[in-house]
Protein backbone atom coordinates (compact mmCIF):
# COMPACT_ATOMS: atom_id res chain seq x y z
CA UNK A 1 -6.93 -36.10 0.20
CA UNK A 2 -3.35 -35.62 1.20
CA UNK A 3 -2.06 -32.31 2.60
CA UNK A 4 -0.37 -31.18 -0.54
CA UNK A 5 -3.48 -31.77 -2.60
CA UNK A 6 -5.57 -29.76 -0.12
CA UNK A 7 -3.13 -26.82 -0.21
CA UNK A 8 -3.16 -26.90 -4.03
CA UNK A 9 -7.02 -26.98 -3.89
CA UNK A 10 -7.09 -24.08 -1.42
CA UNK A 11 -4.73 -22.01 -3.67
CA UNK A 12 -6.87 -22.86 -6.73
CA UNK A 13 -10.02 -21.76 -5.08
CA UNK A 14 -8.34 -18.64 -3.72
CA UNK A 15 -7.08 -17.79 -7.22
CA UNK A 16 -10.59 -18.44 -8.75
CA UNK A 17 -12.17 -16.22 -6.15
CA UNK A 18 -9.55 -13.43 -6.74
CA UNK A 19 -10.27 -13.66 -10.54
CA UNK A 20 -13.96 -13.50 -9.97
CA UNK A 21 -13.52 -10.63 -7.78
CA UNK A 22 -11.52 -8.73 -10.45
CA UNK A 23 -14.31 -9.43 -12.85
CA UNK A 24 -16.97 -8.07 -10.45
CA UNK A 25 -14.85 -4.96 -9.79
CA UNK A 26 -14.11 -4.46 -13.44
CA UNK A 27 -16.60 -1.62 -14.02
CA UNK A 28 -15.50 0.20 -10.86
CA UNK A 29 -11.84 -0.15 -11.76
CA UNK A 30 -12.52 1.18 -15.17
CA UNK A 31 -14.64 3.98 -14.00
CA UNK A 32 -11.97 5.23 -11.61
CA UNK A 33 -8.95 4.30 -13.90
CA UNK A 34 -7.13 2.06 -11.31
CA UNK A 35 -5.99 -1.46 -11.31
CA UNK A 36 -7.04 -4.40 -9.05
CA UNK A 37 -3.81 -4.02 -7.04
CA UNK A 38 -4.47 -0.33 -6.66
CA UNK A 39 -7.96 -1.00 -5.43
CA UNK A 40 -6.63 -3.71 -3.10
CA UNK A 41 -4.29 -1.16 -1.48
CA UNK A 42 -7.24 1.22 -1.04
CA UNK A 43 -9.24 -1.48 0.58
CA UNK A 44 -6.31 -2.37 2.83
CA UNK A 45 -5.95 1.21 3.89
CA UNK A 46 -9.75 1.51 4.55
CA UNK A 47 -9.26 -1.38 6.99
CA UNK A 48 -5.93 -0.08 8.32
CA UNK A 49 -5.86 3.79 8.32
CA UNK A 50 -2.45 5.19 9.05
CA UNK A 51 -0.58 2.26 7.54
CA UNK A 52 2.92 3.09 6.45
CA UNK A 53 4.47 2.34 3.01
CA UNK A 54 6.88 0.05 4.72
CA UNK A 55 3.98 -2.03 6.20
CA UNK A 56 2.34 -2.11 2.88
CA UNK A 57 5.31 -3.81 1.45
CA UNK A 58 5.08 -6.54 4.00
CA UNK A 59 1.44 -7.11 3.44
CA UNK A 60 1.27 -6.77 -0.29
CA UNK A 61 4.55 -8.44 -1.26
CA UNK A 62 5.08 -5.71 -3.89
CA UNK A 63 8.47 -4.39 -4.62
CA UNK A 64 9.32 -1.12 -2.92
CA UNK A 65 9.46 0.63 -6.32
CA UNK A 66 6.00 -0.74 -7.43
CA UNK A 67 4.44 0.12 -3.98
CA UNK A 68 5.86 3.68 -4.38
CA UNK A 69 4.46 3.99 -7.85
CA UNK A 70 1.03 2.93 -6.79
CA UNK A 71 0.97 5.11 -3.68
CA UNK A 72 2.12 8.14 -5.76
CA UNK A 73 -0.54 7.45 -8.51
CA UNK A 74 -3.29 7.13 -5.91
CA UNK A 75 -2.12 10.33 -4.14
CA UNK A 76 -2.09 12.27 -7.48
CA UNK A 77 -5.65 10.94 -8.20
CA UNK A 78 -6.81 12.20 -4.87
CA UNK A 79 -7.67 8.79 -3.34
CA UNK A 80 -5.12 8.76 -0.52
CA UNK A 81 -2.89 11.13 1.25
CA UNK A 82 0.32 10.91 3.34
CA UNK A 83 0.32 12.82 6.62
CA UNK A 84 3.65 13.58 8.36
CA UNK A 85 3.91 12.60 11.97
CA UNK A 86 6.76 12.63 14.45
CA UNK A 87 6.94 9.49 16.54
CA UNK A 88 9.67 9.98 19.12
CA UNK A 89 12.74 10.86 16.87
CA UNK A 90 11.27 9.20 13.81
CA UNK A 91 9.54 10.93 10.93
CA UNK A 92 6.56 8.69 9.75
CA UNK A 93 4.34 9.25 6.80
CA UNK A 94 1.15 7.21 7.37
CA UNK A 95 -1.31 6.82 4.60
CA UNK A 96 -4.95 7.68 4.79
CA UNK A 97 -7.87 7.35 2.39
CA UNK A 98 -9.44 10.71 1.27
CA UNK A 99 -13.28 10.97 0.89
CA UNK A 100 -12.80 10.16 -2.74
CA UNK A 101 -10.79 7.07 -1.90
CA UNK A 102 -13.48 5.91 0.52
CA UNK A 103 -16.12 6.28 -2.13
CA UNK A 104 -14.17 4.04 -4.55
CA UNK A 105 -13.72 1.27 -1.84
CA UNK A 106 -17.42 1.60 -0.91
CA UNK A 107 -18.41 1.26 -4.57
CA UNK A 108 -16.32 -1.82 -4.99
CA UNK A 109 -17.59 -3.49 -1.88
CA UNK A 110 -21.15 -2.80 -2.83
CA UNK A 111 -20.59 -4.16 -6.35
CA UNK A 112 -19.17 -7.46 -4.94
CA UNK A 113 -21.85 -7.75 -2.21
CA UNK A 114 -24.65 -7.11 -4.64
CA UNK A 115 -23.52 -9.83 -6.94
CA UNK A 116 -22.60 -12.41 -4.26
CA UNK A 117 -23.58 -12.45 -0.49
CA UNK A 118 -26.84 -10.35 -1.00
CA UNK A 119 -28.28 -13.23 -3.04
CA UNK A 120 -27.55 -15.99 -0.48
CA UNK A 121 -30.03 -17.49 1.86
CA UNK A 122 -29.50 -17.33 5.60
CA UNK A 123 -28.02 -20.89 5.58
CA UNK A 124 -25.63 -20.09 2.80
CA UNK A 125 -24.43 -17.01 4.48
CA UNK A 126 -23.73 -19.03 7.66
CA UNK A 127 -21.96 -21.77 5.63
CA UNK A 128 -19.93 -18.90 3.84
CA UNK A 129 -19.03 -17.50 7.35
CA UNK A 130 -17.80 -20.87 8.55
CA UNK A 131 -15.88 -21.55 5.26
CA UNK A 132 -14.40 -17.95 5.28
CA UNK A 133 -13.25 -18.41 8.89
CA UNK A 134 -11.51 -21.63 8.02
CA UNK A 135 -9.83 -20.26 4.90
CA UNK A 136 -8.54 -17.25 6.75
CA UNK A 137 -7.11 -19.52 9.44
CA UNK A 138 -5.39 -21.61 6.79
CA UNK A 139 -4.10 -18.69 4.83
CA UNK A 140 -2.85 -16.99 8.08
CA UNK A 141 -0.91 -20.12 8.83
CA UNK A 142 0.59 -20.19 5.34
CA UNK A 143 1.55 -16.47 5.62
CA UNK A 144 3.21 -17.17 9.06
CA UNK A 145 5.15 -19.96 7.31
CA UNK A 146 6.24 -17.35 4.68
CA UNK A 147 6.96 -14.75 7.31
CA UNK A 148 4.26 -12.48 5.99
CA UNK A 149 2.08 -10.38 8.28
CA UNK A 150 -1.63 -10.98 8.27
CA UNK A 151 -3.72 -7.89 8.43
CA UNK A 152 -5.67 -7.54 11.77
CA UNK A 153 -9.02 -7.09 9.98
CA UNK A 154 -8.75 -10.64 8.65
CA UNK A 155 -8.28 -11.94 12.14
CA UNK A 156 -11.32 -10.21 13.58
CA UNK A 157 -14.11 -12.41 12.27
C-alpha cells in the first residue's frame, strides 16, 4: 500500500472512530444540551486545566468567533469558568472546568469506556494500546506538518 493510500485509510478510520464516539456520547450530549465540539473542549480542558482561549484556537482549529461562542455557552451553563491572572504585565484568562463540567466529562468517558474497552480481553487491550500509540504518532506528525500543536496528554502514553 502506498503512502497516500495509508494516509487516506488512517483518516477514514479516524473519522469512523469520531463518528462512533459521537454516537456513544449522544445520550450524554442530549442530557446536558451540548454538542460534540463542546464536549470535546470540556474534555480538552479536563486534560489541560488553565488553557487559554488562544491556545484552544490552535488545538481545535475553530474560528475565533466560534471558540468564543462555545466558551461563552459553556460558562453560562456552569461547565467552565475563566479566572483572571496577571502574568508579568499580561492579563490572562485561563479556562477551568467547574465541578459540573468535570461530571459531564466523566459521564462521557464512562459511557465510551463501558461500550468499548471494558468489553475487551487483555490481549485486545494490549493491541489497542499499541495501535493507539502508533495512530497518535502518525497524527502528531500530520499535525506538525500542518503547524498544529498536539496536546501534551496525547504524547504521554
